[in-house]
Amino acid sequence: MIEPSFGIGRLLYCVLEHAFRMRDEKRTYLSFKPRLAPVKCSILSVINHSDFKPYIAKIKSILKQRQISCKVDDGNATIGKRYARTDEIGIPFGITIDNSTVDPNNEKYNTVTLREIETMK
């Protein structure tokens, strides 16, 4: 008699094991392929300021219309720590809103920075 054991728990463990990465001894992160990632991108602002909130809401609504899952990280931590939190939970893309996004006198007005987890570019 052959009794194969095949369940959802084993599949999830396999996906998590293959997604686990280390940048150095202290930094670990999950590297999901964008198709497998439960959350596709995070929306971050360089600083937690009220000027950025309308832009965050606009980007979030655009992503929701296109059925792209997103997470807003508007905590008081530095942008580097928020990027690290995004990486730890395996979000493949980060959208960053900075001062040039909200400054109408800047040539990069209404633009954002898109960051990819693997290359960090």
N, C-alpha and C. Protein backbone atom coordinates (compact mmCIF):
# COMPACT_ATOMS: atom_id res chain seq x y z
N MET A 1 0.84 -1.16 0.00
CA MET A 1 0.00 0.00 0.00
C MET A 1 0.90 1.24 0.00
N ILE A 2 0.61 2.20 -0.85
CA ILE A 2 1.36 3.46 -0.94
C ILE A 2 0.47 4.57 -0.41
N GLU A 3 1.00 5.31 0.54
CA GLU A 3 0.25 6.40 1.14
C GLU A 3 1.02 7.71 1.00
N PRO A 4 0.87 8.41 -0.12
CA PRO A 4 1.59 9.68 -0.25
C PRO A 4 1.00 10.74 0.67
N SER A 5 1.87 11.55 1.22
CA SER A 5 1.42 12.64 2.09
C SER A 5 1.68 13.94 1.35
N PHE A 6 0.62 14.60 0.97
CA PHE A 6 0.75 15.81 0.18
C PHE A 6 -0.33 16.78 0.62
N GLY A 7 0.05 17.84 1.31
CA GLY A 7 -0.95 18.79 1.79
C GLY A 7 -0.49 20.22 1.57
N ILE A 8 -1.35 21.14 1.91
CA ILE A 8 -1.06 22.55 1.72
C ILE A 8 0.08 23.01 2.61
N GLY A 9 0.22 22.42 3.79
CA GLY A 9 1.30 22.79 4.71
C GLY A 9 2.67 22.56 4.10
N ARG A 10 2.84 21.44 3.43
CA ARG A 10 4.12 21.13 2.79
C ARG A 10 4.41 22.08 1.64
N LEU A 11 3.37 22.42 0.89
CA LEU A 11 3.56 23.37 -0.22
C LEU A 11 3.98 24.74 0.31
N LEU A 12 3.32 25.22 1.35
CA LEU A 12 3.67 26.52 1.91
C LEU A 12 5.09 26.51 2.48
N TYR A 13 5.45 25.43 3.15
CA TYR A 13 6.80 25.34 3.70
C TYR A 13 7.83 25.40 2.58
N CYS A 14 7.56 24.71 1.50
CA CYS A 14 8.48 24.71 0.35
C CYS A 14 8.65 26.11 -0.23
N VAL A 15 7.55 26.82 -0.40
CA VAL A 15 7.61 28.18 -0.95
C VAL A 15 8.39 29.09 -0.01
N LEU A 16 8.12 29.01 1.29
CA LEU A 16 8.83 29.85 2.25
C LEU A 16 10.31 29.52 2.31
N GLU A 17 10.63 28.25 2.27
CA GLU A 17 12.04 27.84 2.34
C GLU A 17 12.83 28.35 1.13
N HIS A 18 12.23 28.30 -0.03
CA HIS A 18 12.92 28.75 -1.24
C HIS A 18 12.95 30.27 -1.38
N ALA A 19 12.10 30.96 -0.66
CA ALA A 19 12.06 32.42 -0.73
C ALA A 19 12.98 33.08 0.30
N PHE A 20 13.46 32.33 1.29
CA PHE A 20 14.27 32.89 2.36
C PHE A 20 15.66 33.25 1.85
N ARG A 21 16.12 34.47 2.10
CA ARG A 21 17.43 34.95 1.66
C ARG A 21 18.12 35.68 2.81
N MET A 22 19.45 35.82 2.69
CA MET A 22 20.24 36.59 3.65
C MET A 22 21.13 37.57 2.90
N ARG A 23 21.06 38.85 3.26
CA ARG A 23 21.95 39.85 2.65
C ARG A 23 23.29 39.83 3.36
N ASP A 24 23.27 39.70 4.66
CA ASP A 24 24.46 39.54 5.48
C ASP A 24 24.02 38.77 6.72
N GLU A 25 24.86 38.71 7.73
CA GLU A 25 24.54 37.91 8.91
C GLU A 25 23.33 38.44 9.69
N LYS A 26 23.05 39.73 9.58
CA LYS A 26 21.96 40.33 10.36
C LYS A 26 20.69 40.56 9.56
N ARG A 27 20.78 40.59 8.24
CA ARG A 27 19.62 40.95 7.43
C ARG A 27 19.08 39.75 6.67
N THR A 28 17.88 39.34 7.02
CA THR A 28 17.21 38.27 6.30
C THR A 28 15.94 38.84 5.67
N TYR A 29 15.53 38.24 4.58
CA TYR A 29 14.31 38.71 3.92
C TYR A 29 13.72 37.57 3.11
N LEU A 30 12.46 37.75 2.71
CA LEU A 30 11.80 36.80 1.83
C LEU A 30 11.78 37.38 0.44
N SER A 31 12.11 36.56 -0.53
CA SER A 31 12.16 37.00 -1.92
C SER A 31 11.17 36.19 -2.74
N PHE A 32 9.91 36.62 -2.68
CA PHE A 32 8.88 35.96 -3.47
C PHE A 32 8.92 36.48 -4.90
N LYS A 33 8.61 35.62 -5.84
CA LYS A 33 8.36 36.09 -7.20
C LYS A 33 7.10 36.96 -7.12
N PRO A 34 7.03 38.02 -7.89
CA PRO A 34 5.86 38.90 -7.80
C PRO A 34 4.51 38.17 -7.96
N ARG A 35 4.46 37.13 -8.75
CA ARG A 35 3.21 36.39 -8.91
C ARG A 35 2.79 35.66 -7.64
N LEU A 36 3.77 35.24 -6.83
CA LEU A 36 3.47 34.49 -5.62
C LEU A 36 3.29 35.37 -4.39
N ALA A 37 3.80 36.57 -4.44
CA ALA A 37 3.75 37.45 -3.27
C ALA A 37 2.31 37.83 -2.95
N PRO A 38 1.90 37.67 -1.69
CA PRO A 38 0.53 38.05 -1.33
C PRO A 38 0.30 39.56 -1.42
N VAL A 39 1.33 40.34 -1.11
CA VAL A 39 1.26 41.80 -1.25
C VAL A 39 2.31 42.19 -2.28
N LYS A 40 1.91 42.87 -3.32
CA LYS A 40 2.79 43.16 -4.46
C LYS A 40 3.70 44.36 -4.23
N CYS A 41 3.20 45.40 -3.56
CA CYS A 41 4.05 46.57 -3.34
C CYS A 41 3.66 47.30 -2.06
N SER A 42 4.63 48.03 -1.56
CA SER A 42 4.39 48.87 -0.38
C SER A 42 4.50 50.32 -0.79
N ILE A 43 3.74 51.16 -0.12
CA ILE A 43 3.77 52.59 -0.38
C ILE A 43 4.39 53.25 0.84
N LEU A 44 5.49 53.95 0.62
CA LEU A 44 6.25 54.56 1.72
C LEU A 44 6.46 56.04 1.43
N SER A 45 6.49 56.83 2.48
CA SER A 45 6.88 58.23 2.32
C SER A 45 8.19 58.43 3.08
N VAL A 46 9.01 59.33 2.58
CA VAL A 46 10.31 59.56 3.19
C VAL A 46 10.16 59.99 4.64
N ILE A 47 9.21 60.88 4.89
CA ILE A 47 8.90 61.30 6.26
C ILE A 47 7.40 61.21 6.45
N ASN A 48 6.99 61.09 7.68
CA ASN A 48 5.56 61.04 8.00
C ASN A 48 5.05 62.46 8.15
N HIS A 49 4.50 63.01 7.05
CA HIS A 49 4.03 64.40 7.04
C HIS A 49 2.68 64.45 6.33
N SER A 50 1.85 65.38 6.73
CA SER A 50 0.49 65.47 6.17
C SER A 50 0.48 65.83 4.67
N ASP A 51 1.55 66.46 4.16
CA ASP A 51 1.61 66.80 2.73
C ASP A 51 1.64 65.56 1.85
N PHE A 52 2.13 64.44 2.39
CA PHE A 52 2.27 63.22 1.60
C PHE A 52 0.98 62.39 1.56
N LYS A 53 0.07 62.61 2.49
CA LYS A 53 -1.12 61.76 2.61
C LYS A 53 -2.01 61.75 1.36
N PRO A 54 -2.27 62.89 0.69
CA PRO A 54 -3.09 62.81 -0.52
C PRO A 54 -2.43 61.99 -1.63
N TYR A 55 -1.11 62.04 -1.74
CA TYR A 55 -0.40 61.27 -2.75
C TYR A 55 -0.46 59.78 -2.43
N ILE A 56 -0.33 59.45 -1.15
CA ILE A 56 -0.43 58.04 -0.74
C ILE A 56 -1.82 57.51 -1.07
N ALA A 57 -2.86 58.29 -0.75
CA ALA A 57 -4.23 57.86 -1.03
C ALA A 57 -4.46 57.70 -2.53
N LYS A 58 -3.92 58.60 -3.33
CA LYS A 58 -4.10 58.53 -4.79
C LYS A 58 -3.43 57.28 -5.35
N ILE A 59 -2.19 57.02 -4.94
CA ILE A 59 -1.47 55.84 -5.44
C ILE A 59 -2.18 54.57 -5.00
N LYS A 60 -2.63 54.55 -3.75
CA LYS A 60 -3.33 53.37 -3.24
C LYS A 60 -4.60 53.10 -4.04
N SER A 61 -5.36 54.15 -4.36
CA SER A 61 -6.60 53.95 -5.12
C SER A 61 -6.31 53.48 -6.55
N ILE A 62 -5.24 53.99 -7.15
CA ILE A 62 -4.87 53.55 -8.51
C ILE A 62 -4.49 52.07 -8.50
N LEU A 63 -3.72 51.66 -7.50
CA LEU A 63 -3.32 50.26 -7.41
C LEU A 63 -4.53 49.36 -7.15
N LYS A 64 -5.44 49.79 -6.30
CA LYS A 64 -6.65 49.00 -6.01
C LYS A 64 -7.52 48.87 -7.25
N GLN A 65 -7.62 49.93 -8.06
CA GLN A 65 -8.40 49.86 -9.30
C GLN A 65 -7.82 48.82 -10.25
N ARG A 66 -6.51 48.69 -10.23
CA ARG A 66 -5.84 47.71 -11.10
C ARG A 66 -5.68 46.35 -10.42
N GLN A 67 -6.30 46.19 -9.27
CA GLN A 67 -6.29 44.96 -8.48
C GLN A 67 -4.87 44.51 -8.11
N ILE A 68 -4.05 45.47 -7.74
CA ILE A 68 -2.70 45.21 -7.26
C ILE A 68 -2.71 45.41 -5.75
N SER A 69 -2.39 44.35 -5.02
CA SER A 69 -2.41 44.46 -3.55
C SER A 69 -1.24 45.32 -3.08
N CYS A 70 -1.52 46.15 -2.08
CA CYS A 70 -0.50 47.06 -1.58
C CYS A 70 -0.64 47.23 -0.07
N LYS A 71 0.42 47.73 0.53
CA LYS A 71 0.45 47.98 1.97
C LYS A 71 1.07 49.35 2.17
N VAL A 72 0.44 50.18 2.98
CA VAL A 72 0.97 51.51 3.30
C VAL A 72 1.71 51.40 4.62
N ASP A 73 2.98 51.81 4.62
CA ASP A 73 3.76 51.84 5.86
C ASP A 73 4.01 53.31 6.18
N ASP A 74 3.21 53.85 7.09
CA ASP A 74 3.34 55.26 7.45
C ASP A 74 3.80 55.42 8.89
N GLY A 75 4.63 54.50 9.33
CA GLY A 75 5.15 54.55 10.70
C GLY A 75 6.16 55.68 10.88
N ASN A 76 6.63 55.83 12.10
CA ASN A 76 7.58 56.90 12.41
C ASN A 76 9.03 56.47 12.26
N ALA A 77 9.29 55.26 11.79
CA ALA A 77 10.66 54.78 11.61
C ALA A 77 11.30 55.46 10.42
N THR A 78 12.62 55.35 10.33
CA THR A 78 13.33 55.91 9.18
C THR A 78 12.96 55.13 7.92
N ILE A 79 13.24 55.72 6.78
CA ILE A 79 12.90 55.07 5.51
C ILE A 79 13.67 53.76 5.34
N GLY A 80 14.90 53.71 5.82
CA GLY A 80 15.68 52.48 5.73
C GLY A 80 15.06 51.34 6.52
N LYS A 81 14.56 51.65 7.71
CA LYS A 81 13.91 50.62 8.53
C LYS A 81 12.59 50.18 7.90
N ARG A 82 11.89 51.11 7.28
CA ARG A 82 10.63 50.73 6.62
C ARG A 82 10.90 49.89 5.38
N TYR A 83 11.98 50.20 4.65
CA TYR A 83 12.38 49.33 3.54
C TYR A 83 12.71 47.93 4.06
N ALA A 84 13.43 47.85 5.18
CA ALA A 84 13.80 46.56 5.77
C ALA A 84 12.55 45.77 6.17
N ARG A 85 11.56 46.45 6.75
CA ARG A 85 10.31 45.76 7.12
C ARG A 85 9.61 45.23 5.88
N THR A 86 9.62 46.01 4.81
CA THR A 86 9.02 45.58 3.56
C THR A 86 9.72 44.33 3.02
N ASP A 87 11.05 44.35 3.08
CA ASP A 87 11.82 43.20 2.60
C ASP A 87 11.58 41.96 3.45
N GLU A 88 11.50 42.12 4.75
CA GLU A 88 11.32 40.98 5.65
C GLU A 88 10.06 40.19 5.36
N ILE A 89 9.01 40.86 4.96
CA ILE A 89 7.76 40.15 4.71
C ILE A 89 7.56 39.80 3.23
N GLY A 90 8.56 40.08 2.41
CA GLY A 90 8.55 39.60 1.03
C GLY A 90 7.76 40.41 0.03
N ILE A 91 7.63 41.70 0.25
CA ILE A 91 6.94 42.54 -0.72
C ILE A 91 7.95 42.90 -1.82
N PRO A 92 7.68 42.51 -3.08
CA PRO A 92 8.69 42.67 -4.12
C PRO A 92 8.98 44.10 -4.58
N PHE A 93 8.04 45.02 -4.43
CA PHE A 93 8.23 46.38 -4.92
C PHE A 93 7.87 47.40 -3.85
N GLY A 94 8.59 48.52 -3.86
CA GLY A 94 8.31 49.62 -2.95
C GLY A 94 8.15 50.91 -3.73
N ILE A 95 7.09 51.64 -3.46
CA ILE A 95 6.86 52.94 -4.09
C ILE A 95 7.13 53.99 -3.02
N THR A 96 8.08 54.89 -3.29
CA THR A 96 8.48 55.89 -2.32
C THR A 96 8.08 57.29 -2.78
N ILE A 97 7.45 58.01 -1.88
CA ILE A 97 7.07 59.40 -2.12
C ILE A 97 8.05 60.27 -1.34
N ASP A 98 8.66 61.23 -2.04
CA ASP A 98 9.63 62.10 -1.36
C ASP A 98 9.27 63.57 -1.57
N ASN A 99 10.17 64.45 -1.19
CA ASN A 99 9.89 65.89 -1.27
C ASN A 99 9.68 66.37 -2.70
N SER A 100 10.38 65.78 -3.67
CA SER A 100 10.21 66.22 -5.06
C SER A 100 8.83 65.85 -5.59
N THR A 101 8.18 64.86 -5.01
CA THR A 101 6.82 64.47 -5.43
C THR A 101 5.82 65.58 -5.15
N VAL A 102 5.97 66.25 -4.02
CA VAL A 102 4.97 67.24 -3.59
C VAL A 102 5.36 68.68 -3.89
N ASP A 103 6.57 68.93 -4.39
CA ASP A 103 7.04 70.29 -4.65
C ASP A 103 6.73 70.67 -6.10
N PRO A 104 5.78 71.58 -6.34
CA PRO A 104 5.43 71.95 -7.72
C PRO A 104 6.56 72.67 -8.46
N ASN A 105 7.56 73.19 -7.75
CA ASN A 105 8.68 73.87 -8.40
C ASN A 105 9.78 72.90 -8.84
N ASN A 106 9.65 71.64 -8.48
CA ASN A 106 10.65 70.64 -8.82
C ASN A 106 10.30 70.00 -10.16
N GLU A 107 11.31 69.70 -10.96
CA GLU A 107 11.05 69.07 -12.27
C GLU A 107 10.52 67.65 -12.14
N LYS A 108 10.70 67.02 -10.97
CA LYS A 108 10.19 65.67 -10.73
C LYS A 108 8.88 65.70 -9.96
N TYR A 109 8.15 66.78 -10.06
CA TYR A 109 6.87 66.94 -9.39
C TYR A 109 5.91 65.85 -9.85
N ASN A 110 5.17 65.27 -8.93
CA ASN A 110 4.21 64.20 -9.21
C ASN A 110 4.86 62.90 -9.67
N THR A 111 6.12 62.68 -9.33
CA THR A 111 6.77 61.42 -9.65
C THR A 111 7.10 60.68 -8.35
N VAL A 112 7.30 59.39 -8.44
CA VAL A 112 7.66 58.57 -7.29
C VAL A 112 8.87 57.72 -7.65
N THR A 113 9.45 57.07 -6.65
CA THR A 113 10.56 56.16 -6.87
C THR A 113 10.05 54.74 -6.68
N LEU A 114 10.37 53.88 -7.64
CA LEU A 114 10.00 52.47 -7.56
C LEU A 114 11.25 51.66 -7.25
N ARG A 115 11.20 50.85 -6.20
CA ARG A 115 12.34 50.05 -5.76
C ARG A 115 11.98 48.57 -5.84
N GLU A 116 12.91 47.78 -6.38
CA GLU A 116 12.72 46.34 -6.51
C GLU A 116 13.56 45.62 -5.47
N ILE A 117 13.02 44.58 -4.83
CA ILE A 117 13.66 43.95 -3.67
C ILE A 117 14.98 43.26 -4.00
N GLU A 118 15.06 42.56 -5.11
CA GLU A 118 16.26 41.77 -5.41
C GLU A 118 17.49 42.64 -5.66
N THR A 119 17.33 43.64 -6.52
CA THR A 119 18.46 44.48 -6.89
C THR A 119 18.62 45.71 -6.00
N MET A 120 17.56 46.05 -5.28
CA MET A 120 17.48 47.26 -4.45
C MET A 120 17.70 48.52 -5.30
N LYS A 121 17.39 48.48 -6.54
CA LYS A 121 17.49 49.64 -7.44
C LYS A 121 16.11 50.20 -7.68
